[in-house]
């Protein structure tokens, strides 16, 4: 039995070493704890978000070899923590952030109110709602105006109610925000996401594509933030395992839907006027994130949140000009038309 125990310990050490090499930093819950609970969905989701973070960071670094990610592990005194990976001032990427957070504690009254407004019937015990939330979130702002900005986020949420029952749901999405429209890129991006959805149910892509167009809407401008992708929230059926597998397929589609577009355009030439238009479009990006984005709002309302990680999505540079209007029939006017009237890119 001693020999078997020694072999098992050696296998565990080898597995731990392999996991460490796969990730950007040690997981928030700790490798031993994740391995001990490896059959539980919460552990599998944490492993998935850690793997997604590492995959995306390595893919971006391969395209911008002169730059590197600052890896910053942080703890939240109320429970949990996260890992922020941020690249700044590279040759290809002006700013790219890929964050993981695994937090737990008691839901703030404001956050609970926000959830109830979406139809959640949350029964608190003595006004308290224990929760656990985890996710991976990324925004990538390239330097070249012909390379689109990309955002993705995949998350899992669990709340324990007064009677001990647990409510759970997944949410997430991936979307593209180009400065200039390239139809071939738009088709590639949407087609890759559609293929990931279609593995599970052909009805999912059209439903979540529309949800994405509706969600990333800047009401005060009358336009979408970008050309969309997929977005979903409060997903709790048909079963926990089936939803997890769907989320996994979506997360695995991030690199193939975006990296080929970056490779194709990162060395394109551009004019000062095109760079200016990129800065103005980034201003719109900031407006959406600060005024409407649900994830930003939830983060800012959660006690002990890490503000730097929440606002990682903001670009290094942006611009707001008074009454700027592009010329009719220009490339700038072309993208505005699509932002005001979303297109079906894959049918």
Foldseek 3Di string as FASTA:
>chain_A
DVVVVVVVVVVLVVVLVVLCVQFPHAFQCGPVVLVVVVVDPVSVQSSLLRNLLSVVQVLVCVVQVVWHWDWDWDQFPQFWTWIKTWIDDTLWFRIKIKIKTKGKHWADPVLVVVVVVVVDDAAADVPTKIKIKIKIKMWTHTQDLQAWIKIKMKMKMWIQHPVRDIQIKIWMWIFTAHLFDDLVLVLLLQVLLCVLQVVQPNVQSVVQQVVQLVQQAPVVVLFGLHLGHGTDIRHCDDHPVSVVSSSSSNSVSVCRSRSVSSVVPSPPDDDPVSSQSSQASLVSVVSCLVPRDPQLVSQVSGPRHDNCRSCSNRGPGHDDDPPDDDDPPDSSVVRRVCRNPHDDSHD
